[in-house]
Every structure is written in C-alpha cells, then in structure tokens.
Amino acid sequence: MDRPNDFQPHQILYLQHDRDRLYVELIQQIASRQMYWSRPLALVTDVACYPTVGHYQPIWETSESAIYDLRQAPDLLWPALLFQPALDTEVMPLLSTLYASETEAHPETAQIAHQRLRHFMHQIWAAAPEAFRA
C-alpha cells in the first residue's frame, strides 16, 4: 500500500476515520521511515460527504458536525500511507471558519479539542494497526 511521495510541505492533508477528519499541514516527509511530520489544524466530526464531479466533497454545515480548532496542538508523526490530500474547495471554507472565530482561546475549549484529538488518534491506531508497525 505504498503511496507516491507527491505531497509538498505546507500542503493540507487529512486523516479520516468513519465520519471524522483531522486536517493537518504537512511539515516534512521522513522518507526513510515512510512518515509525515504534520501540524494539526482542525478535527471535523460527523463529515457528510456528498458526490460532486469525480470526487466527494465534505460538507460540515450540518447541526451534527463540529469543528475543533487544533492549531495549538502538538505536531504529529504519522505513517504516510494514512494521509489523503485535501481539496481546496474543502480547505478554504474550513480555514475561513477557523480564522473567523479567532477570539481569545478558552482553556476548556482547548482541553475538549485535545481530548477529541486523542480519542481520534486512538481510533486510527485501533483501525489500522498494521500502518504503525515498522
């Protein structure tokens, strides 16, 4: 399940588990370990995907969806084969939402976002343990 190393630093990628997506910025490829060093941006829960021309575009403007701001979360080192490229049409509204809601961060909000991130990471580990074996 090798993926070509065609992603570039600063490109927005995502990890997906069920209907949740973690959007990240690629910092660096670690080719020798087939890992990506990435910086979390946001966790979007309950992403509904609707077909568009040739691909599926996530829509998170539903009442069930939530966006967790993770721009202050620690960087991640994850297996490269788990990442998928994010489309501009999904990233631009997400970034607009994140930057539009920039107010003074509340510790409780950040704590909830980090808890959701940890839960999401555990779900990925449980769903794809073979990706973490070196």
N, C-alpha and C. Protein backbone atom coordinates (compact mmCIF):
# COMPACT_ATOMS: atom_id res chain seq x y z
N MET A 1 0.83 -1.18 0.00
CA MET A 1 0.00 0.00 0.00
C MET A 1 0.88 1.25 0.00
N ASP A 2 1.88 1.27 -0.85
CA ASP A 2 2.78 2.41 -0.93
C ASP A 2 2.12 3.56 -1.66
N ARG A 3 2.35 4.74 -1.17
CA ARG A 3 1.80 5.96 -1.75
C ARG A 3 2.97 6.78 -2.28
N PRO A 4 2.86 7.31 -3.49
CA PRO A 4 3.94 8.14 -4.00
C PRO A 4 4.11 9.38 -3.14
N ASN A 5 5.35 9.80 -2.99
CA ASN A 5 5.66 10.97 -2.17
C ASN A 5 5.48 12.24 -2.99
N ASP A 6 4.24 12.51 -3.40
CA ASP A 6 3.99 13.68 -4.20
C ASP A 6 3.42 14.84 -3.39
N PHE A 7 3.30 14.70 -2.08
CA PHE A 7 2.82 15.78 -1.24
C PHE A 7 3.98 16.72 -0.94
N GLN A 8 3.66 18.00 -0.85
CA GLN A 8 4.67 19.03 -0.62
C GLN A 8 4.50 19.65 0.76
N PRO A 9 5.59 20.13 1.36
CA PRO A 9 5.46 20.86 2.63
C PRO A 9 4.44 21.99 2.49
N HIS A 10 3.69 22.21 3.53
CA HIS A 10 2.63 23.22 3.65
C HIS A 10 1.34 22.81 2.96
N GLN A 11 1.32 21.65 2.32
CA GLN A 11 0.09 21.16 1.71
C GLN A 11 -0.84 20.69 2.83
N ILE A 12 -2.14 20.89 2.64
CA ILE A 12 -3.13 20.44 3.62
C ILE A 12 -3.57 19.03 3.25
N LEU A 13 -3.46 18.15 4.23
CA LEU A 13 -3.83 16.74 4.08
C LEU A 13 -4.87 16.42 5.16
N TYR A 14 -5.41 15.22 5.09
CA TYR A 14 -6.29 14.80 6.18
C TYR A 14 -6.15 13.32 6.46
N LEU A 15 -6.50 12.97 7.68
CA LEU A 15 -6.66 11.59 8.12
C LEU A 15 -8.15 11.41 8.36
N GLN A 16 -8.67 10.26 8.00
CA GLN A 16 -10.10 10.05 8.18
C GLN A 16 -10.35 8.75 8.92
N HIS A 17 -11.32 8.80 9.82
CA HIS A 17 -11.83 7.60 10.47
C HIS A 17 -13.34 7.77 10.56
N ASP A 18 -14.05 6.82 9.98
CA ASP A 18 -15.51 6.89 9.88
C ASP A 18 -15.90 8.24 9.28
N ARG A 19 -16.63 9.05 10.03
CA ARG A 19 -17.09 10.35 9.50
C ARG A 19 -16.34 11.52 10.13
N ASP A 20 -15.19 11.25 10.71
CA ASP A 20 -14.37 12.31 11.31
C ASP A 20 -13.10 12.50 10.49
N ARG A 21 -12.69 13.77 10.33
CA ARG A 21 -11.47 14.08 9.59
C ARG A 21 -10.59 15.01 10.39
N LEU A 22 -9.31 14.66 10.42
CA LEU A 22 -8.30 15.52 11.03
C LEU A 22 -7.54 16.17 9.89
N TYR A 23 -7.66 17.48 9.77
CA TYR A 23 -6.93 18.24 8.74
C TYR A 23 -5.62 18.71 9.34
N VAL A 24 -4.55 18.52 8.56
CA VAL A 24 -3.20 18.86 9.01
C VAL A 24 -2.44 19.58 7.90
N GLU A 25 -1.40 20.28 8.31
CA GLU A 25 -0.46 20.87 7.36
C GLU A 25 0.78 19.99 7.36
N LEU A 26 1.21 19.56 6.19
CA LEU A 26 2.42 18.75 6.08
C LEU A 26 3.63 19.64 6.34
N ILE A 27 4.45 19.24 7.27
CA ILE A 27 5.67 19.97 7.59
C ILE A 27 6.85 19.36 6.83
N GLN A 28 6.99 18.05 6.95
CA GLN A 28 8.13 17.38 6.31
C GLN A 28 7.82 15.91 6.10
N GLN A 29 8.35 15.37 5.00
CA GLN A 29 8.29 13.93 4.76
C GLN A 29 9.54 13.30 5.35
N ILE A 30 9.38 12.21 6.06
CA ILE A 30 10.52 11.45 6.55
C ILE A 30 10.52 10.16 5.73
N ALA A 31 11.15 10.23 4.57
CA ALA A 31 11.10 9.14 3.59
C ALA A 31 11.69 7.84 4.14
N SER A 32 12.75 7.92 4.92
CA SER A 32 13.41 6.71 5.43
C SER A 32 12.48 5.90 6.33
N ARG A 33 11.51 6.56 6.97
CA ARG A 33 10.58 5.86 7.86
C ARG A 33 9.16 5.83 7.30
N GLN A 34 8.96 6.39 6.10
CA GLN A 34 7.64 6.48 5.49
C GLN A 34 6.63 7.12 6.44
N MET A 35 7.06 8.26 7.00
CA MET A 35 6.24 9.00 7.95
C MET A 35 6.13 10.44 7.50
N TYR A 36 5.08 11.10 7.97
CA TYR A 36 4.90 12.53 7.74
C TYR A 36 4.88 13.25 9.08
N TRP A 37 5.66 14.31 9.14
CA TRP A 37 5.60 15.22 10.27
C TRP A 37 4.53 16.23 9.89
N SER A 38 3.50 16.36 10.68
CA SER A 38 2.39 17.24 10.32
C SER A 38 1.94 18.06 11.52
N ARG A 39 1.29 19.17 11.20
CA ARG A 39 0.79 20.10 12.22
C ARG A 39 -0.75 20.11 12.14
N PRO A 40 -1.42 19.69 13.20
CA PRO A 40 -2.88 19.67 13.19
C PRO A 40 -3.47 21.07 13.01
N LEU A 41 -4.56 21.13 12.26
CA LEU A 41 -5.30 22.37 12.06
C LEU A 41 -6.67 22.27 12.72
N ALA A 42 -7.42 21.23 12.35
CA ALA A 42 -8.78 21.09 12.87
C ALA A 42 -9.25 19.65 12.76
N LEU A 43 -10.07 19.28 13.70
CA LEU A 43 -10.77 18.00 13.65
C LEU A 43 -12.23 18.33 13.36
N VAL A 44 -12.74 17.76 12.29
CA VAL A 44 -14.13 17.97 11.91
C VAL A 44 -14.86 16.65 12.13
N THR A 45 -15.86 16.69 12.99
CA THR A 45 -16.61 15.47 13.30
C THR A 45 -17.88 15.40 12.48
N ASP A 46 -18.29 14.20 12.21
CA ASP A 46 -19.53 13.90 11.50
C ASP A 46 -19.59 14.60 10.15
N VAL A 47 -18.55 14.38 9.34
CA VAL A 47 -18.49 14.95 8.00
C VAL A 47 -19.43 14.17 7.10
N ALA A 48 -20.33 14.86 6.48
CA ALA A 48 -21.22 14.24 5.50
C ALA A 48 -20.61 14.47 4.12
N CYS A 49 -20.42 13.42 3.36
CA CYS A 49 -19.82 13.54 2.04
C CYS A 49 -20.91 13.40 0.97
N TYR A 50 -20.94 14.38 0.10
CA TYR A 50 -21.90 14.38 -0.99
C TYR A 50 -21.14 14.30 -2.30
N PRO A 51 -21.63 13.49 -3.25
CA PRO A 51 -20.92 13.36 -4.52
C PRO A 51 -20.93 14.65 -5.32
N THR A 52 -19.76 14.96 -5.89
CA THR A 52 -19.63 16.06 -6.83
C THR A 52 -18.97 15.47 -8.07
N VAL A 53 -18.54 16.27 -8.97
CA VAL A 53 -17.97 15.77 -10.22
C VAL A 53 -16.66 15.03 -9.92
N GLY A 54 -16.69 13.71 -10.01
CA GLY A 54 -15.49 12.89 -9.90
C GLY A 54 -14.94 12.66 -8.51
N HIS A 55 -15.51 13.25 -7.47
CA HIS A 55 -14.99 13.05 -6.12
C HIS A 55 -16.09 13.36 -5.10
N TYR A 56 -15.78 13.17 -3.85
CA TYR A 56 -16.72 13.51 -2.79
C TYR A 56 -16.19 14.73 -2.05
N GLN A 57 -17.06 15.67 -1.81
CA GLN A 57 -16.69 16.89 -1.11
C GLN A 57 -17.36 16.88 0.25
N PRO A 58 -16.60 17.06 1.33
CA PRO A 58 -17.21 17.05 2.65
C PRO A 58 -18.03 18.32 2.90
N ILE A 59 -19.11 18.13 3.56
CA ILE A 59 -19.96 19.25 3.96
C ILE A 59 -20.12 19.14 5.47
N TRP A 60 -19.77 20.17 6.20
CA TRP A 60 -19.89 20.10 7.65
C TRP A 60 -20.79 21.18 8.21
N GLU A 61 -21.65 21.72 7.39
CA GLU A 61 -22.58 22.72 7.88
C GLU A 61 -23.86 22.09 8.42
N THR A 62 -23.78 20.89 8.92
CA THR A 62 -24.96 20.26 9.49
C THR A 62 -24.95 20.49 11.00
N SER A 63 -26.09 20.31 11.61
CA SER A 63 -26.18 20.55 13.05
C SER A 63 -25.38 19.52 13.84
N GLU A 64 -25.11 18.36 13.26
CA GLU A 64 -24.37 17.31 13.97
C GLU A 64 -22.86 17.51 13.89
N SER A 65 -22.41 18.28 12.92
CA SER A 65 -20.97 18.47 12.72
C SER A 65 -20.40 19.44 13.75
N ALA A 66 -19.12 19.24 14.05
CA ALA A 66 -18.41 20.14 14.95
C ALA A 66 -16.99 20.32 14.41
N ILE A 67 -16.46 21.52 14.58
CA ILE A 67 -15.09 21.80 14.18
C ILE A 67 -14.31 22.15 15.44
N TYR A 68 -13.24 21.38 15.67
CA TYR A 68 -12.38 21.60 16.82
C TYR A 68 -11.07 22.22 16.35
N ASP A 69 -10.77 23.39 16.84
CA ASP A 69 -9.55 24.11 16.46
C ASP A 69 -8.35 23.46 17.15
N LEU A 70 -7.42 22.95 16.35
CA LEU A 70 -6.25 22.26 16.91
C LEU A 70 -4.94 22.96 16.52
N ARG A 71 -5.02 24.22 16.16
CA ARG A 71 -3.81 24.92 15.73
C ARG A 71 -2.78 25.07 16.84
N GLN A 72 -3.19 24.89 18.09
CA GLN A 72 -2.24 24.95 19.20
C GLN A 72 -1.83 23.56 19.69
N ALA A 73 -2.28 22.52 19.00
CA ALA A 73 -1.96 21.14 19.38
C ALA A 73 -0.53 20.80 18.97
N PRO A 74 0.07 19.81 19.62
CA PRO A 74 1.42 19.40 19.23
C PRO A 74 1.45 18.75 17.86
N ASP A 75 2.60 18.82 17.23
CA ASP A 75 2.79 18.20 15.92
C ASP A 75 2.68 16.68 16.04
N LEU A 76 2.40 16.06 14.90
CA LEU A 76 2.23 14.61 14.85
C LEU A 76 3.25 13.99 13.90
N LEU A 77 3.66 12.79 14.18
CA LEU A 77 4.48 11.99 13.28
C LEU A 77 3.69 10.72 13.01
N TRP A 78 3.13 10.62 11.78
CA TRP A 78 2.21 9.54 11.45
C TRP A 78 2.63 8.85 10.17
N PRO A 79 2.23 7.59 10.00
CA PRO A 79 2.54 6.85 8.77
C PRO A 79 1.98 7.58 7.54
N ALA A 80 2.80 7.73 6.53
CA ALA A 80 2.44 8.47 5.32
C ALA A 80 1.25 7.85 4.60
N LEU A 81 1.12 6.54 4.64
CA LEU A 81 0.07 5.89 3.86
C LEU A 81 -1.33 6.18 4.37
N LEU A 82 -1.46 6.78 5.54
CA LEU A 82 -2.78 7.09 6.08
C LEU A 82 -3.33 8.44 5.59
N PHE A 83 -2.47 9.26 5.02
CA PHE A 83 -2.88 10.62 4.64
C PHE A 83 -3.49 10.66 3.25
N GLN A 84 -4.42 11.58 3.09
CA GLN A 84 -5.04 11.85 1.80
C GLN A 84 -4.98 13.36 1.56
N PRO A 85 -4.90 13.76 0.30
CA PRO A 85 -4.85 15.21 0.02
C PRO A 85 -6.22 15.85 0.22
N ALA A 86 -6.23 17.02 0.82
CA ALA A 86 -7.47 17.77 0.97
C ALA A 86 -7.64 18.66 -0.26
N LEU A 87 -8.86 18.82 -0.68
CA LEU A 87 -9.17 19.66 -1.82
C LEU A 87 -9.28 21.12 -1.38
N ASP A 88 -8.92 22.03 -2.26
CA ASP A 88 -9.04 23.45 -1.96
C ASP A 88 -10.47 23.82 -1.61
N THR A 89 -11.42 23.19 -2.27
CA THR A 89 -12.83 23.51 -2.05
C THR A 89 -13.32 23.11 -0.66
N GLU A 90 -12.60 22.22 0.01
CA GLU A 90 -12.98 21.89 1.38
C GLU A 90 -12.11 22.62 2.39
N VAL A 91 -10.88 22.94 2.02
CA VAL A 91 -9.95 23.59 2.94
C VAL A 91 -10.27 25.07 3.13
N MET A 92 -10.59 25.76 2.05
CA MET A 92 -10.84 27.20 2.14
C MET A 92 -11.99 27.53 3.10
N PRO A 93 -13.15 26.87 3.00
CA PRO A 93 -14.21 27.16 3.98
C PRO A 93 -13.81 26.80 5.41
N LEU A 94 -13.04 25.71 5.56
CA LEU A 94 -12.59 25.31 6.89
C LEU A 94 -11.68 26.37 7.49
N LEU A 95 -10.69 26.81 6.73
CA LEU A 95 -9.77 27.84 7.24
C LEU A 95 -10.51 29.15 7.50
N SER A 96 -11.45 29.49 6.64
CA SER A 96 -12.26 30.69 6.87
C SER A 96 -13.01 30.60 8.19
N THR A 97 -13.57 29.44 8.46
CA THR A 97 -14.29 29.23 9.71
C THR A 97 -13.36 29.34 10.91
N LEU A 98 -12.17 28.73 10.81
CA LEU A 98 -11.22 28.80 11.91
C LEU A 98 -10.77 30.23 12.19
N TYR A 99 -10.41 30.95 11.16
CA TYR A 99 -9.89 32.29 11.35
C TYR A 99 -10.99 33.30 11.67
N ALA A 100 -12.21 33.05 11.24
CA ALA A 100 -13.33 33.95 11.55
C ALA A 100 -13.70 33.87 13.03
N SER A 101 -13.47 32.71 13.62
CA SER A 101 -13.84 32.52 15.02
C SER A 101 -12.67 32.77 15.97
N GLU A 102 -11.62 33.41 15.48
CA GLU A 102 -10.46 33.66 16.33
C GLU A 102 -10.81 34.69 17.40
N THR A 103 -10.94 34.20 18.57
CA THR A 103 -11.11 35.04 19.74
C THR A 103 -10.15 34.49 20.78
N GLU A 104 -10.13 35.10 21.91
CA GLU A 104 -9.25 34.60 22.96
C GLU A 104 -9.65 33.17 23.31
N ALA A 105 -8.69 32.28 23.22
CA ALA A 105 -8.97 30.86 23.46
C ALA A 105 -9.33 30.62 24.92
N HIS A 106 -10.36 29.83 25.12
CA HIS A 106 -10.77 29.44 26.47
C HIS A 106 -10.10 28.11 26.79
N PRO A 107 -9.51 27.98 27.97
CA PRO A 107 -8.84 26.72 28.31
C PRO A 107 -9.75 25.50 28.19
N GLU A 108 -11.03 25.64 28.53
CA GLU A 108 -11.95 24.50 28.45
C GLU A 108 -12.13 24.06 27.00
N THR A 109 -12.23 25.00 26.08
CA THR A 109 -12.40 24.69 24.67
C THR A 109 -11.17 23.96 24.13
N ALA A 110 -9.99 24.46 24.48
CA ALA A 110 -8.75 23.81 24.04
C ALA A 110 -8.63 22.42 24.63
N GLN A 111 -9.02 22.26 25.88
CA GLN A 111 -8.94 20.94 26.52
C GLN A 111 -9.89 19.95 25.83
N ILE A 112 -11.08 20.37 25.51
CA ILE A 112 -12.03 19.50 24.81
C ILE A 112 -11.48 19.12 23.44
N ALA A 113 -10.90 20.09 22.72
CA ALA A 113 -10.33 19.81 21.40
C ALA A 113 -9.20 18.79 21.50
N HIS A 114 -8.35 18.93 22.51
CA HIS A 114 -7.24 17.97 22.67
C HIS A 114 -7.75 16.59 23.06
N GLN A 115 -8.79 16.53 23.86
CA GLN A 115 -9.39 15.23 24.20
C GLN A 115 -9.96 14.56 22.96
N ARG A 116 -10.64 15.33 22.12
CA ARG A 116 -11.19 14.78 20.88
C ARG A 116 -10.07 14.29 19.96
N LEU A 117 -8.96 15.04 19.91
CA LEU A 117 -7.81 14.62 19.10
C LEU A 117 -7.25 13.30 19.61
N ARG A 118 -7.06 13.17 20.91
CA ARG A 118 -6.54 11.91 21.48
C ARG A 118 -7.48 10.75 21.17
N HIS A 119 -8.77 10.97 21.30
CA HIS A 119 -9.75 9.93 21.00
C HIS A 119 -9.67 9.53 19.53
N PHE A 120 -9.58 10.52 18.64
CA PHE A 120 -9.46 10.26 17.21
C PHE A 120 -8.20 9.45 16.91
N MET A 121 -7.07 9.83 17.52
CA MET A 121 -5.81 9.11 17.31
C MET A 121 -5.93 7.65 17.75
N HIS A 122 -6.56 7.41 18.88
CA HIS A 122 -6.74 6.03 19.35
C HIS A 122 -7.62 5.24 18.38
N GLN A 123 -8.62 5.88 17.81
CA GLN A 123 -9.47 5.20 16.82
C GLN A 123 -8.66 4.80 15.59
N ILE A 124 -7.79 5.68 15.12
CA ILE A 124 -6.95 5.37 13.95
C ILE A 124 -6.01 4.21 14.29
N TRP A 125 -5.37 4.27 15.46
CA TRP A 125 -4.46 3.19 15.87
C TRP A 125 -5.20 1.85 15.89
N ALA A 126 -6.40 1.85 16.44
CA ALA A 126 -7.17 0.61 16.53
C ALA A 126 -7.63 0.12 15.16
N ALA A 127 -7.94 1.04 14.27
CA ALA A 127 -8.46 0.67 12.95
C ALA A 127 -7.37 0.23 11.98
N ALA A 128 -6.16 0.75 12.14
CA ALA A 128 -5.08 0.44 11.18
C ALA A 128 -3.77 0.14 11.91
N PRO A 129 -3.74 -0.91 12.74
CA PRO A 129 -2.52 -1.19 13.50
C PRO A 129 -1.33 -1.55 12.62
N GLU A 130 -1.61 -2.13 11.43
CA GLU A 130 -0.51 -2.52 10.53
C GLU A 130 0.27 -1.31 10.02
N ALA A 131 -0.35 -0.15 9.97
CA ALA A 131 0.32 1.06 9.48
C ALA A 131 1.39 1.55 10.47
N PHE A 132 1.29 1.13 11.73
CA PHE A 132 2.21 1.59 12.77
C PHE A 132 3.33 0.60 13.06
N ARG A 133 3.32 -0.51 12.36
CA ARG A 133 4.40 -1.50 12.53
C ARG A 133 5.52 -1.14 11.57
N ALA A 134 6.71 -1.01 12.10
CA ALA A 134 7.84 -0.62 11.23
C ALA A 134 8.68 -1.79 10.85
